[in-house]
Amino acid sequence: MSTKEIIREFISCELLHDTRETPLQDEDQLIESGIIDSLGIMTLLVFLEEKFSLQISGEELIPENFGSIAAISNLIDRQLSQ
């Protein structure tokens, strides 16, 4: 399963507060559209750190890194390559 698929599945199963007729897309705006809120970001952060065995610094906790599945995946890929 790819990083994007893992992230999509977690958000869909654990954080999605509305009932969507279409699945989340890589570029869907998660924060702007209200799919996830600040508590959701923290829940997602804990999941990502545990799932991928990494530590995301406070400097990286910016909306640009959590705005979409693609952005989150890019953040994780950068972390894993370091």
PDB file of N, CA and C in Angstrom:
ATOM      1  N   MET A   1       0.851  -1.174   0.000  1.00  0.00           N
ATOM      2  CA  MET A   1       0.000   0.000   0.000  1.00  0.00           C
ATOM      3  C   MET A   1       0.897   1.237   0.000  1.00  0.00           C
ATOM      4  N   SER A   2       0.591   2.201  -0.841  1.00  0.00           N
ATOM      5  CA  SER A   2       1.414   3.409  -0.947  1.00  0.00           C
ATOM      6  C   SER A   2       1.155   4.352   0.230  1.00  0.00           C
ATOM      7  N   THR A   3       2.044   5.305   0.403  1.00  0.00           N
ATOM      8  CA  THR A   3       1.888   6.301   1.460  1.00  0.00           C
ATOM      9  C   THR A   3       0.557   7.034   1.311  1.00  0.00           C
ATOM     10  N   LYS A   4       0.233   7.440   0.102  1.00  0.00           N
ATOM     11  CA  LYS A   4      -1.031   8.151  -0.136  1.00  0.00           C
ATOM     12  C   LYS A   4      -2.231   7.289   0.230  1.00  0.00           C
ATOM     13  N   GLU A   5      -2.169   6.015  -0.109  1.00  0.00           N
ATOM     14  CA  GLU A   5      -3.288   5.115   0.205  1.00  0.00           C
ATOM     15  C   GLU A   5      -3.447   4.934   1.713  1.00  0.00           C
ATOM     16  N   ILE A   6      -2.342   4.825   2.424  1.00  0.00           N
ATOM     17  CA  ILE A   6      -2.380   4.685   3.883  1.00  0.00           C
ATOM     18  C   ILE A   6      -3.004   5.929   4.507  1.00  0.00           C
ATOM     19  N   ILE A   7      -2.567   7.098   4.054  1.00  0.00           N
ATOM     20  CA  ILE A   7      -3.092   8.364   4.574  1.00  0.00           C
ATOM     21  C   ILE A   7      -4.575   8.501   4.249  1.00  0.00           C
ATOM     22  N   ARG A   8      -4.944   8.219   3.011  1.00  0.00           N
ATOM     23  CA  ARG A   8      -6.341   8.323   2.583  1.00  0.00           C
ATOM     24  C   ARG A   8      -7.237   7.412   3.416  1.00  0.00           C
ATOM     25  N   GLU A   9      -6.798   6.173   3.622  1.00  0.00           N
ATOM     26  CA  GLU A   9      -7.590   5.219   4.387  1.00  0.00           C
ATOM     27  C   GLU A   9      -7.782   5.696   5.831  1.00  0.00           C
ATOM     28  N   PHE A  10      -6.710   6.206   6.451  1.00  0.00           N
ATOM     29  CA  PHE A  10      -6.818   6.680   7.830  1.00  0.00           C
ATOM     30  C   PHE A  10      -7.776   7.859   7.929  1.00  0.00           C
ATOM     31  N   ILE A  11      -7.614   8.832   7.050  1.00  0.00           N
ATOM     32  CA  ILE A  11      -8.491  10.005   7.094  1.00  0.00           C
ATOM     33  C   ILE A  11      -9.940   9.593   6.852  1.00  0.00           C
ATOM     34  N   SER A  12     -10.156   8.751   5.872  1.00  0.00           N
ATOM     35  CA  SER A  12     -11.519   8.320   5.545  1.00  0.00           C
ATOM     36  C   SER A  12     -12.175   7.565   6.692  1.00  0.00           C
ATOM     37  N   CYS A  13     -11.409   6.692   7.332  1.00  0.00           N
ATOM     38  CA  CYS A  13     -11.978   5.839   8.384  1.00  0.00           C
ATOM     39  C   CYS A  13     -12.038   6.518   9.747  1.00  0.00           C
ATOM     40  N   GLU A  14     -11.049   7.348  10.055  1.00  0.00           N
ATOM     41  CA  GLU A  14     -10.931   7.877  11.414  1.00  0.00           C
ATOM     42  C   GLU A  14     -11.303   9.350  11.570  1.00  0.00           C
ATOM     43  N   LEU A  15     -11.186  10.141  10.508  1.00  0.00           N
ATOM     44  CA  LEU A  15     -11.345  11.580  10.665  1.00  0.00           C
ATOM     45  C   LEU A  15     -12.488  12.208   9.872  1.00  0.00           C
ATOM     46  N   LEU A  16     -12.960  11.502   8.884  1.00  0.00           N
ATOM     47  CA  LEU A  16     -13.970  12.092   8.004  1.00  0.00           C
ATOM     48  C   LEU A  16     -15.281  12.255   8.766  1.00  0.00           C
ATOM     49  N   HIS A  17     -15.714  13.505   8.891  1.00  0.00           N
ATOM     50  CA  HIS A  17     -16.900  13.815   9.674  1.00  0.00           C
ATOM     51  C   HIS A  17     -18.173  13.883   8.841  1.00  0.00           C
ATOM     52  N   ASP A  18     -18.021  13.956   7.555  1.00  0.00           N
ATOM     53  CA  ASP A  18     -19.217  14.013   6.720  1.00  0.00           C
ATOM     54  C   ASP A  18     -19.302  12.751   5.863  1.00  0.00           C
ATOM     55  N   THR A  19     -20.418  12.549   5.279  1.00  0.00           N
ATOM     56  CA  THR A  19     -20.583  11.380   4.409  1.00  0.00           C
ATOM     57  C   THR A  19     -20.370  11.827   2.973  1.00  0.00           C
ATOM     58  N   ARG A  20     -19.284  11.381   2.397  1.00  0.00           N
ATOM     59  CA  ARG A  20     -18.929  11.764   1.029  1.00  0.00           C
ATOM     60  C   ARG A  20     -19.373  10.677   0.072  1.00  0.00           C
ATOM     61  N   GLU A  21     -19.888  11.119  -1.037  1.00  0.00           N
ATOM     62  CA  GLU A  21     -20.280  10.158  -2.065  1.00  0.00           C
ATOM     63  C   GLU A  21     -19.088   9.744  -2.921  1.00  0.00           C
ATOM     64  N   THR A  22     -18.073  10.599  -2.957  1.00  0.00           N
ATOM     65  CA  THR A  22     -16.872  10.288  -3.739  1.00  0.00           C
ATOM     66  C   THR A  22     -15.689  10.152  -2.788  1.00  0.00           C
ATOM     67  N   PRO A  23     -14.759   9.269  -3.101  1.00  0.00           N
ATOM     68  CA  PRO A  23     -13.587   9.099  -2.231  1.00  0.00           C
ATOM     69  C   PRO A  23     -12.690  10.335  -2.268  1.00  0.00           C
ATOM     70  N   LEU A  24     -11.903  10.493  -1.231  1.00  0.00           N
ATOM     71  CA  LEU A  24     -10.950  11.596  -1.175  1.00  0.00           C
ATOM     72  C   LEU A  24      -9.946  11.472  -2.314  1.00  0.00           C
ATOM     73  N   GLN A  25      -9.623  12.600  -2.903  1.00  0.00           N
ATOM     74  CA  GLN A  25      -8.615  12.649  -3.963  1.00  0.00           C
ATOM     75  C   GLN A  25      -7.321  13.219  -3.386  1.00  0.00           C
ATOM     76  N   ASP A  26      -6.207  12.984  -4.060  1.00  0.00           N
ATOM     77  CA  ASP A  26      -4.902  13.425  -3.580  1.00  0.00           C
ATOM     78  C   ASP A  26      -4.827  14.928  -3.353  1.00  0.00           C
ATOM     79  N   GLU A  27      -5.504  15.701  -4.160  1.00  0.00           N
ATOM     80  CA  GLU A  27      -5.410  17.164  -4.082  1.00  0.00           C
ATOM     81  C   GLU A  27      -6.586  17.829  -3.374  1.00  0.00           C
ATOM     82  N   ASP A  28      -7.528  17.058  -2.829  1.00  0.00           N
ATOM     83  CA  ASP A  28      -8.640  17.654  -2.070  1.00  0.00           C
ATOM     84  C   ASP A  28      -8.077  18.468  -0.915  1.00  0.00           C
ATOM     85  N   GLN A  29      -8.603  19.657  -0.714  1.00  0.00           N
ATOM     86  CA  GLN A  29      -8.149  20.543   0.349  1.00  0.00           C
ATOM     87  C   GLN A  29      -8.769  20.104   1.672  1.00  0.00           C
ATOM     88  N   LEU A  30      -7.974  19.483   2.514  1.00  0.00           N
ATOM     89  CA  LEU A  30      -8.459  18.875   3.740  1.00  0.00           C
ATOM     90  C   LEU A  30      -8.816  19.903   4.814  1.00  0.00           C
ATOM     91  N   ILE A  31      -7.984  20.907   4.977  1.00  0.00           N
ATOM     92  CA  ILE A  31      -8.209  21.913   6.014  1.00  0.00           C
ATOM     93  C   ILE A  31      -9.223  22.940   5.543  1.00  0.00           C
ATOM     94  N   GLU A  32      -8.996  23.500   4.367  1.00  0.00           N
ATOM     95  CA  GLU A  32      -9.875  24.538   3.838  1.00  0.00           C
ATOM     96  C   GLU A  32     -11.320  24.080   3.703  1.00  0.00           C
ATOM     97  N   SER A  33     -11.524  22.828   3.338  1.00  0.00           N
ATOM     98  CA  SER A  33     -12.881  22.331   3.138  1.00  0.00           C
ATOM     99  C   SER A  33     -13.499  21.785   4.422  1.00  0.00           C
ATOM    100  N   GLY A  34     -12.722  21.780   5.513  1.00  0.00           N
ATOM    101  CA  GLY A  34     -13.242  21.323   6.785  1.00  0.00           C
ATOM    102  C   GLY A  34     -13.254  19.810   6.964  1.00  0.00           C
ATOM    103  N   ILE A  35     -12.573  19.099   6.081  1.00  0.00           N
ATOM    104  CA  ILE A  35     -12.509  17.643   6.212  1.00  0.00           C
ATOM    105  C   ILE A  35     -11.785  17.276   7.501  1.00  0.00           C
ATOM    106  N   ILE A  36     -10.700  17.995   7.800  1.00  0.00           N
ATOM    107  CA  ILE A  36     -10.032  17.810   9.088  1.00  0.00           C
ATOM    108  C   ILE A  36      -9.865  19.159   9.767  1.00  0.00           C
ATOM    109  N   ASP A  37      -9.904  19.137  11.101  1.00  0.00           N
ATOM    110  CA  ASP A  37      -9.720  20.350  11.893  1.00  0.00           C
ATOM    111  C   ASP A  37      -8.434  20.211  12.706  1.00  0.00           C
ATOM    112  N   SER A  38      -8.207  21.119  13.643  1.00  0.00           N
ATOM    113  CA  SER A  38      -6.957  21.095  14.407  1.00  0.00           C
ATOM    114  C   SER A  38      -6.811  19.808  15.220  1.00  0.00           C
ATOM    115  N   LEU A  39      -7.884  19.334  15.804  1.00  0.00           N
ATOM    116  CA  LEU A  39      -7.826  18.068  16.537  1.00  0.00           C
ATOM    117  C   LEU A  39      -7.534  16.914  15.577  1.00  0.00           C
ATOM    118  N   GLY A  40      -8.119  16.958  14.399  1.00  0.00           N
ATOM    119  CA  GLY A  40      -7.856  15.944  13.385  1.00  0.00           C
ATOM    120  C   GLY A  40      -6.409  15.930  12.950  1.00  0.00           C
ATOM    121  N   ILE A  41      -5.816  17.112  12.837  1.00  0.00           N
ATOM    122  CA  ILE A  41      -4.399  17.196  12.459  1.00  0.00           C
ATOM    123  C   ILE A  41      -3.538  16.541  13.530  1.00  0.00           C
ATOM    124  N   MET A  42      -3.859  16.790  14.796  1.00  0.00           N
ATOM    125  CA  MET A  42      -3.072  16.186  15.868  1.00  0.00           C
ATOM    126  C   MET A  42      -3.239  14.660  15.883  1.00  0.00           C
ATOM    127  N   THR A  43      -4.456  14.193  15.647  1.00  0.00           N
ATOM    128  CA  THR A  43      -4.706  12.755  15.569  1.00  0.00           C
ATOM    129  C   THR A  43      -3.936  12.142  14.404  1.00  0.00           C
ATOM    130  N   LEU A  44      -3.974  12.828  13.274  1.00  0.00           N
ATOM    131  CA  LEU A  44      -3.248  12.378  12.094  1.00  0.00           C
ATOM    132  C   LEU A  44      -1.743  12.380  12.355  1.00  0.00           C
ATOM    133  N   LEU A  45      -1.246  13.397  13.024  1.00  0.00           N
ATOM    134  CA  LEU A  45       0.175  13.503  13.337  1.00  0.00           C
ATOM    135  C   LEU A  45       0.646  12.310  14.168  1.00  0.00           C
ATOM    136  N   VAL A  46      -0.107  11.963  15.204  1.00  0.00           N
ATOM    137  CA  VAL A  46       0.243  10.819  16.044  1.00  0.00           C
ATOM    138  C   VAL A  46       0.255   9.542  15.202  1.00  0.00           C
ATOM    139  N   PHE A  47      -0.762   9.369  14.378  1.00  0.00           N
ATOM    140  CA  PHE A  47      -0.828   8.191  13.508  1.00  0.00           C
ATOM    141  C   PHE A  47       0.388   8.112  12.590  1.00  0.00           C
ATOM    142  N   LEU A  48       0.714   9.223  11.925  1.00  0.00           N
ATOM    143  CA  LEU A  48       1.827   9.234  10.975  1.00  0.00           C
ATOM    144  C   LEU A  48       3.144   8.911  11.662  1.00  0.00           C
ATOM    145  N   GLU A  49       3.369   9.513  12.829  1.00  0.00           N
ATOM    146  CA  GLU A  49       4.623   9.263  13.540  1.00  0.00           C
ATOM    147  C   GLU A  49       4.743   7.805  13.965  1.00  0.00           C
ATOM    148  N   GLU A  50       3.636   7.217  14.395  1.00  0.00           N
ATOM    149  CA  GLU A  50       3.669   5.807  14.797  1.00  0.00           C
ATOM    150  C   GLU A  50       3.774   4.877  13.590  1.00  0.00           C
ATOM    151  N   LYS A  51       2.981   5.127  12.573  1.00  0.00           N
ATOM    152  CA  LYS A  51       2.926   4.254  11.400  1.00  0.00           C
ATOM    153  C   LYS A  51       4.254   4.216  10.647  1.00  0.00           C
ATOM    154  N   PHE A  52       4.868   5.400  10.499  1.00  0.00           N
ATOM    155  CA  PHE A  52       6.079   5.492   9.687  1.00  0.00           C
ATOM    156  C   PHE A  52       7.356   5.606  10.528  1.00  0.00           C
ATOM    157  N   SER A  53       7.228   5.491  11.852  1.00  0.00           N
ATOM    158  CA  SER A  53       8.376   5.547  12.773  1.00  0.00           C
ATOM    159  C   SER A  53       9.244   6.778  12.511  1.00  0.00           C
ATOM    160  N   LEU A  54       8.624   7.934  12.582  1.00  0.00           N
ATOM    161  CA  LEU A  54       9.351   9.182  12.380  1.00  0.00           C
ATOM    162  C   LEU A  54       8.838  10.244  13.335  1.00  0.00           C
ATOM    163  N   GLN A  55       9.572  11.352  13.396  1.00  0.00           N
ATOM    164  CA  GLN A  55       9.208  12.471  14.253  1.00  0.00           C
ATOM    165  C   GLN A  55       9.039  13.710  13.373  1.00  0.00           C
ATOM    166  N   ILE A  56       7.860  14.304  13.409  1.00  0.00           N
ATOM    167  CA  ILE A  56       7.601  15.520  12.634  1.00  0.00           C
ATOM    168  C   ILE A  56       7.795  16.706  13.562  1.00  0.00           C
ATOM    169  N   SER A  57       8.685  17.612  13.186  1.00  0.00           N
ATOM    170  CA  SER A  57       9.020  18.753  14.043  1.00  0.00           C
ATOM    171  C   SER A  57       7.936  19.819  13.997  1.00  0.00           C
ATOM    172  N   GLY A  58       7.950  20.679  14.996  1.00  0.00           N
ATOM    173  CA  GLY A  58       7.001  21.788  15.058  1.00  0.00           C
ATOM    174  C   GLY A  58       7.101  22.707  13.854  1.00  0.00           C
ATOM    175  N   GLU A  59       8.294  22.847  13.306  1.00  0.00           N
ATOM    176  CA  GLU A  59       8.498  23.695  12.131  1.00  0.00           C
ATOM    177  C   GLU A  59       7.748  23.168  10.914  1.00  0.00           C
ATOM    178  N   GLU A  60       7.499  21.876  10.896  1.00  0.00           N
ATOM    179  CA  GLU A  60       6.819  21.254   9.756  1.00  0.00           C
ATOM    180  C   GLU A  60       5.306  21.205   9.924  1.00  0.00           C
ATOM    181  N   LEU A  61       4.820  21.627  11.081  1.00  0.00           N
ATOM    182  CA  LEU A  61       3.377  21.633  11.339  1.00  0.00           C
ATOM    183  C   LEU A  61       2.750  22.911  10.793  1.00  0.00           C
ATOM    184  N   ILE A  62       2.763  23.004   9.481  1.00  0.00           N
ATOM    185  CA  ILE A  62       2.186  24.160   8.802  1.00  0.00           C
ATOM    186  C   ILE A  62       1.094  23.677   7.853  1.00  0.00           C
ATOM    187  N   PRO A  63       0.109  24.519   7.594  1.00  0.00           N
ATOM    188  CA  PRO A  63      -1.011  24.098   6.735  1.00  0.00           C
ATOM    189  C   PRO A  63      -0.573  23.555   5.378  1.00  0.00           C
ATOM    190  N   GLU A  64       0.495  24.075   4.820  1.00  0.00           N
ATOM    191  CA  GLU A  64       0.950  23.621   3.514  1.00  0.00           C
ATOM    192  C   GLU A  64       1.326  22.143   3.528  1.00  0.00           C
ATOM    193  N   ASN A  65       1.809  21.649   4.656  1.00  0.00           N
ATOM    194  CA  ASN A  65       2.210  20.243   4.753  1.00  0.00           C
ATOM    195  C   ASN A  65       1.047  19.306   5.048  1.00  0.00           C
ATOM    196  N   PHE A  66      -0.091  19.859   5.471  1.00  0.00           N
ATOM    197  CA  PHE A  66      -1.244  19.032   5.834  1.00  0.00           C
ATOM    198  C   PHE A  66      -2.494  19.409   5.057  1.00  0.00           C
ATOM    199  N   GLY A  67      -2.334  20.185   3.995  1.00  0.00           N
ATOM    200  CA  GLY A  67      -3.478  20.671   3.240  1.00  0.00           C
ATOM    201  C   GLY A  67      -4.142  19.656   2.337  1.00  0.00           C
ATOM    202  N   SER A  68      -3.414  18.618   1.955  1.00  0.00           N
ATOM    203  CA  SER A  68      -3.971  17.596   1.058  1.00  0.00           C
ATOM    204  C   SER A  68      -3.247  16.278   1.308  1.00  0.00           C
ATOM    205  N   ILE A  69      -3.806  15.223   0.803  1.00  0.00           N
ATOM    206  CA  ILE A  69      -3.164  13.916   0.918  1.00  0.00           C
ATOM    207  C   ILE A  69      -1.809  13.946   0.220  1.00  0.00           C
ATOM    208  N   ALA A  70      -1.738  14.599  -0.927  1.00  0.00           N
ATOM    209  CA  ALA A  70      -0.468  14.698  -1.659  1.00  0.00           C
ATOM    210  C   ALA A  70       0.583  15.440  -0.834  1.00  0.00           C
ATOM    211  N   ALA A  71       0.189  16.532  -0.174  1.00  0.00           N
ATOM    212  CA  ALA A  71       1.131  17.308   0.638  1.00  0.00           C
ATOM    213  C   ALA A  71       1.624  16.493   1.834  1.00  0.00           C
ATOM    214  N   ILE A  72       0.730  15.780   2.480  1.00  0.00           N
ATOM    215  CA  ILE A  72       1.108  14.941   3.620  1.00  0.00           C
ATOM    216  C   ILE A  72       2.052  13.835   3.161  1.00  0.00           C
ATOM    217  N   SER A  73       1.742  13.219   2.044  1.00  0.00           N
ATOM    218  CA  SER A  73       2.584  12.164   1.492  1.00  0.00           C
ATOM    219  C   SER A  73       3.975  12.696   1.163  1.00  0.00           C
ATOM    220  N   ASN A  74       4.053  13.889   0.589  1.00  0.00           N
ATOM    221  CA  ASN A  74       5.354  14.498   0.279  1.00  0.00           C
ATOM    222  C   ASN A  74       6.154  14.737   1.556  1.00  0.00           C
ATOM    223  N   LEU A  75       5.477  15.204   2.613  1.00  0.00           N
ATOM    224  CA  LEU A  75       6.142  15.415   3.902  1.00  0.00           C
ATOM    225  C   LEU A  75       6.707  14.101   4.434  1.00  0.00           C
ATOM    226  N   ILE A  76       5.914  13.061   4.402  1.00  0.00           N
ATOM    227  CA  ILE A  76       6.352  11.753   4.888  1.00  0.00           C
ATOM    228  C   ILE A  76       7.521  11.235   4.055  1.00  0.00           C
ATOM    229  N   ASP A  77       7.423  11.353   2.745  1.00  0.00           N
ATOM    230  CA  ASP A  77       8.500  10.889   1.862  1.00  0.00           C
ATOM    231  C   ASP A  77       9.794  11.647   2.132  1.00  0.00           C
ATOM    232  N   ARG A  78       9.712  12.956   2.378  1.00  0.00           N
ATOM    233  CA  ARG A  78      10.908  13.745   2.715  1.00  0.00           C
ATOM    234  C   ARG A  78      11.509  13.261   4.026  1.00  0.00           C
ATOM    235  N   GLN A  79      10.645  13.018   5.008  1.00  0.00           N
ATOM    236  CA  GLN A  79      11.127  12.544   6.306  1.00  0.00           C
ATOM    237  C   GLN A  79      11.832  11.186   6.186  1.00  0.00           C
ATOM    238  N   LEU A  80      11.236  10.300   5.426  1.00  0.00           N
ATOM    239  CA  LEU A  80      11.793   8.962   5.293  1.00  0.00           C
ATOM    240  C   LEU A  80      13.092   8.941   4.512  1.00  0.00           C
ATOM    241  N   SER A  81      13.291   9.920   3.635  1.00  0.00           N
ATOM    242  CA  SER A  81      14.522   9.947   2.841  1.00  0.00           C
ATOM    243  C   SER A  81      15.698  10.566   3.588  1.00  0.00           C
ATOM    244  N   GLN A  82      15.430  11.168   4.724  1.00  0.00           N
ATOM    245  CA  GLN A  82      16.515  11.804   5.509  1.00  0.00           C
ATOM    246  C   GLN A  82      17.207  10.815   6.391  1.00  0.00           C
TER     247      GLN A  82
END
